[in-house]
Amino acid sequence: MQINDLFNILHNSLESQNNGKKISLKDMATSFGISMRTYQDWKLGRAKPQAAAVVIQMLGRLEDDEIIRTVRKINKLKDQ
């Protein structure tokens, strides 16, 4: 699996969570505080942030309930 596959899966999952409404690349990028060009490059596979692959691999080693706890902790950090 390539990094762009991960970004596409996550993007699609966020759209599904949003009742199937499409989320533009610009809106997605803005919500994460990055440029649309950067997000687009990640999604198309033109740029491959290495940290993203490691983060996904680390989450993949956790049990489901621990993934949820971890992601909630991460979300709390971004609000500080």
N, C-alpha and C. Protein backbone atom coordinates (compact mmCIF):
# COMPACT_ATOMS: atom_id res chain seq x y z
N MET A 1 0.85 -1.19 0.00
CA MET A 1 0.00 0.00 0.00
C MET A 1 0.89 1.24 0.00
N GLN A 2 0.52 2.20 -0.78
CA GLN A 2 1.26 3.45 -0.90
C GLN A 2 0.66 4.51 0.04
N ILE A 3 1.47 5.53 0.33
CA ILE A 3 1.00 6.61 1.22
C ILE A 3 -0.24 7.28 0.64
N ASN A 4 -0.27 7.52 -0.66
CA ASN A 4 -1.44 8.17 -1.24
C ASN A 4 -2.70 7.32 -1.05
N ASP A 5 -2.55 6.00 -1.04
CA ASP A 5 -3.71 5.13 -0.76
C ASP A 5 -4.26 5.42 0.64
N LEU A 6 -3.35 5.58 1.60
CA LEU A 6 -3.78 5.89 2.97
C LEU A 6 -4.53 7.20 3.04
N PHE A 7 -3.99 8.23 2.37
CA PHE A 7 -4.66 9.53 2.39
C PHE A 7 -6.02 9.46 1.71
N ASN A 8 -6.12 8.69 0.63
CA ASN A 8 -7.40 8.56 -0.05
C ASN A 8 -8.41 7.81 0.81
N ILE A 9 -7.98 6.75 1.48
CA ILE A 9 -8.87 6.01 2.38
C ILE A 9 -9.37 6.91 3.50
N LEU A 10 -8.44 7.65 4.12
CA LEU A 10 -8.83 8.54 5.21
C LEU A 10 -9.74 9.66 4.73
N HIS A 11 -9.44 10.24 3.57
CA HIS A 11 -10.27 11.31 3.01
C HIS A 11 -11.69 10.77 2.78
N ASN A 12 -11.78 9.59 2.15
CA ASN A 12 -13.09 9.00 1.88
C ASN A 12 -13.83 8.67 3.16
N SER A 13 -13.12 8.21 4.18
CA SER A 13 -13.76 7.90 5.46
C SER A 13 -14.33 9.16 6.11
N LEU A 14 -13.59 10.26 6.01
CA LEU A 14 -14.09 11.52 6.56
C LEU A 14 -15.32 12.00 5.79
N GLU A 15 -15.33 11.80 4.47
CA GLU A 15 -16.52 12.15 3.69
C GLU A 15 -17.71 11.28 4.09
N SER A 16 -17.47 9.99 4.29
CA SER A 16 -18.55 9.08 4.71
C SER A 16 -19.12 9.52 6.05
N GLN A 17 -18.23 9.90 6.95
CA GLN A 17 -18.67 10.37 8.26
C GLN A 17 -19.48 11.66 8.14
N ASN A 18 -19.25 12.38 7.06
CA ASN A 18 -19.93 13.65 6.79
C ASN A 18 -21.19 13.40 5.94
N ASN A 19 -21.83 12.24 6.17
CA ASN A 19 -23.06 11.85 5.45
C ASN A 19 -22.86 11.79 3.94
N GLY A 20 -21.66 11.42 3.52
CA GLY A 20 -21.38 11.25 2.10
C GLY A 20 -21.13 12.53 1.33
N LYS A 21 -21.19 13.68 2.03
CA LYS A 21 -20.93 14.96 1.36
C LYS A 21 -19.45 15.06 1.02
N LYS A 22 -19.17 15.47 -0.20
CA LYS A 22 -17.79 15.64 -0.64
C LYS A 22 -17.11 16.74 0.17
N ILE A 23 -15.84 16.54 0.43
CA ILE A 23 -15.02 17.55 1.10
C ILE A 23 -13.92 17.92 0.12
N SER A 24 -13.84 19.18 -0.22
CA SER A 24 -12.85 19.61 -1.20
C SER A 24 -11.44 19.47 -0.63
N LEU A 25 -10.48 19.36 -1.53
CA LEU A 25 -9.08 19.30 -1.12
C LEU A 25 -8.72 20.55 -0.33
N LYS A 26 -9.22 21.68 -0.78
CA LYS A 26 -8.92 22.95 -0.11
C LYS A 26 -9.47 22.95 1.32
N ASP A 27 -10.71 22.53 1.48
CA ASP A 27 -11.32 22.50 2.81
C ASP A 27 -10.59 21.52 3.73
N MET A 28 -10.23 20.36 3.18
CA MET A 28 -9.53 19.37 3.98
C MET A 28 -8.16 19.92 4.42
N ALA A 29 -7.44 20.50 3.49
CA ALA A 29 -6.12 21.05 3.79
C ALA A 29 -6.22 22.16 4.83
N THR A 30 -7.17 23.05 4.65
CA THR A 30 -7.36 24.15 5.59
C THR A 30 -7.66 23.62 7.00
N SER A 31 -8.46 22.58 7.09
CA SER A 31 -8.82 22.05 8.40
C SER A 31 -7.61 21.46 9.13
N PHE A 32 -6.57 21.07 8.39
CA PHE A 32 -5.36 20.53 8.99
C PHE A 32 -4.21 21.52 9.01
N GLY A 33 -4.46 22.74 8.55
CA GLY A 33 -3.45 23.79 8.61
C GLY A 33 -2.30 23.60 7.63
N ILE A 34 -2.60 23.01 6.48
CA ILE A 34 -1.57 22.85 5.44
C ILE A 34 -2.09 23.44 4.14
N SER A 35 -1.20 23.61 3.19
CA SER A 35 -1.63 24.17 1.91
C SER A 35 -2.37 23.11 1.10
N MET A 36 -3.25 23.59 0.23
CA MET A 36 -3.98 22.67 -0.63
C MET A 36 -3.01 21.90 -1.52
N ARG A 37 -1.99 22.57 -1.99
CA ARG A 37 -0.99 21.93 -2.87
C ARG A 37 -0.31 20.76 -2.16
N THR A 38 0.06 20.96 -0.90
CA THR A 38 0.69 19.89 -0.13
C THR A 38 -0.25 18.72 0.02
N TYR A 39 -1.49 18.99 0.40
CA TYR A 39 -2.47 17.92 0.58
C TYR A 39 -2.71 17.19 -0.73
N GLN A 40 -2.84 17.94 -1.80
CA GLN A 40 -3.05 17.35 -3.12
C GLN A 40 -1.87 16.45 -3.51
N ASP A 41 -0.66 16.92 -3.26
CA ASP A 41 0.52 16.12 -3.57
C ASP A 41 0.53 14.81 -2.78
N TRP A 42 0.13 14.88 -1.53
CA TRP A 42 0.07 13.66 -0.71
C TRP A 42 -0.98 12.70 -1.27
N LYS A 43 -2.15 13.26 -1.60
CA LYS A 43 -3.26 12.44 -2.09
C LYS A 43 -2.95 11.80 -3.45
N LEU A 44 -2.20 12.49 -4.26
CA LEU A 44 -1.86 11.98 -5.59
C LEU A 44 -0.57 11.16 -5.60
N GLY A 45 0.13 11.15 -4.49
CA GLY A 45 1.36 10.38 -4.41
C GLY A 45 2.59 11.08 -4.95
N ARG A 46 2.48 12.38 -5.20
CA ARG A 46 3.64 13.14 -5.70
C ARG A 46 4.61 13.47 -4.59
N ALA A 47 4.11 13.51 -3.37
CA ALA A 47 4.95 13.71 -2.18
C ALA A 47 4.54 12.64 -1.18
N LYS A 48 5.52 12.14 -0.45
CA LYS A 48 5.25 11.03 0.46
C LYS A 48 5.83 11.32 1.84
N PRO A 49 5.03 11.93 2.70
CA PRO A 49 5.53 12.20 4.05
C PRO A 49 5.79 10.88 4.78
N GLN A 50 7.03 10.64 5.10
CA GLN A 50 7.41 9.37 5.71
C GLN A 50 6.76 9.15 7.07
N ALA A 51 6.58 10.21 7.81
CA ALA A 51 5.99 10.07 9.14
C ALA A 51 4.59 9.48 9.06
N ALA A 52 3.85 9.80 8.01
CA ALA A 52 2.48 9.29 7.89
C ALA A 52 2.46 7.77 7.85
N ALA A 53 3.36 7.18 7.12
CA ALA A 53 3.40 5.72 7.03
C ALA A 53 3.72 5.09 8.38
N VAL A 54 4.63 5.69 9.12
CA VAL A 54 5.00 5.16 10.43
C VAL A 54 3.84 5.30 11.41
N VAL A 55 3.16 6.43 11.38
CA VAL A 55 2.01 6.64 12.27
C VAL A 55 0.94 5.58 12.00
N ILE A 56 0.65 5.33 10.74
CA ILE A 56 -0.36 4.32 10.39
C ILE A 56 0.09 2.93 10.84
N GLN A 57 1.35 2.63 10.65
CA GLN A 57 1.87 1.32 11.08
C GLN A 57 1.78 1.17 12.60
N MET A 58 2.10 2.25 13.31
CA MET A 58 2.02 2.20 14.77
C MET A 58 0.56 1.99 15.22
N LEU A 59 -0.36 2.72 14.62
CA LEU A 59 -1.78 2.54 14.96
C LEU A 59 -2.24 1.12 14.62
N GLY A 60 -1.73 0.57 13.53
CA GLY A 60 -2.10 -0.76 13.11
C GLY A 60 -1.66 -1.85 14.07
N ARG A 61 -0.70 -1.57 14.92
CA ARG A 61 -0.24 -2.54 15.91
C ARG A 61 -1.06 -2.52 17.19
N LEU A 62 -1.94 -1.53 17.31
CA LEU A 62 -2.77 -1.39 18.51
C LEU A 62 -4.08 -2.15 18.36
N GLU A 63 -4.63 -2.56 19.49
CA GLU A 63 -5.98 -3.13 19.50
C GLU A 63 -6.98 -2.00 19.24
N ASP A 64 -8.16 -2.36 18.76
CA ASP A 64 -9.16 -1.35 18.37
C ASP A 64 -9.46 -0.34 19.47
N ASP A 65 -9.68 -0.81 20.69
CA ASP A 65 -10.02 0.11 21.77
C ASP A 65 -8.86 1.05 22.11
N GLU A 66 -7.64 0.57 21.95
CA GLU A 66 -6.48 1.42 22.21
C GLU A 66 -6.29 2.45 21.10
N ILE A 67 -6.65 2.09 19.88
CA ILE A 67 -6.61 3.06 18.77
C ILE A 67 -7.54 4.22 19.09
N ILE A 68 -8.72 3.90 19.53
CA ILE A 68 -9.71 4.95 19.86
C ILE A 68 -9.19 5.84 20.98
N ARG A 69 -8.66 5.24 22.05
CA ARG A 69 -8.11 6.04 23.15
C ARG A 69 -6.97 6.93 22.67
N THR A 70 -6.11 6.38 21.84
CA THR A 70 -4.95 7.13 21.34
C THR A 70 -5.38 8.30 20.47
N VAL A 71 -6.29 8.05 19.57
CA VAL A 71 -6.77 9.13 18.68
C VAL A 71 -7.47 10.21 19.49
N ARG A 72 -8.22 9.82 20.50
CA ARG A 72 -8.88 10.83 21.35
C ARG A 72 -7.85 11.68 22.09
N LYS A 73 -6.77 11.06 22.56
CA LYS A 73 -5.70 11.82 23.21
C LYS A 73 -5.07 12.81 22.24
N ILE A 74 -4.84 12.36 21.01
CA ILE A 74 -4.26 13.23 19.98
C ILE A 74 -5.19 14.40 19.70
N ASN A 75 -6.48 14.12 19.61
CA ASN A 75 -7.45 15.19 19.35
C ASN A 75 -7.48 16.21 20.48
N LYS A 76 -7.33 15.75 21.71
CA LYS A 76 -7.28 16.68 22.85
C LYS A 76 -6.05 17.57 22.78
N LEU A 77 -4.92 17.04 22.33
CA LEU A 77 -3.70 17.83 22.21
C LEU A 77 -3.84 18.95 21.20
N LYS A 78 -4.53 18.67 20.10
CA LYS A 78 -4.67 19.71 19.06
C LYS A 78 -5.54 20.87 19.52
N ASP A 79 -6.40 20.61 20.51
CA ASP A 79 -7.28 21.66 21.04
C ASP A 79 -6.60 22.55 22.06
N GLN A 80 -5.39 22.18 22.50
CA GLN A 80 -4.70 22.96 23.53
C GLN A 80 -3.95 24.13 22.95
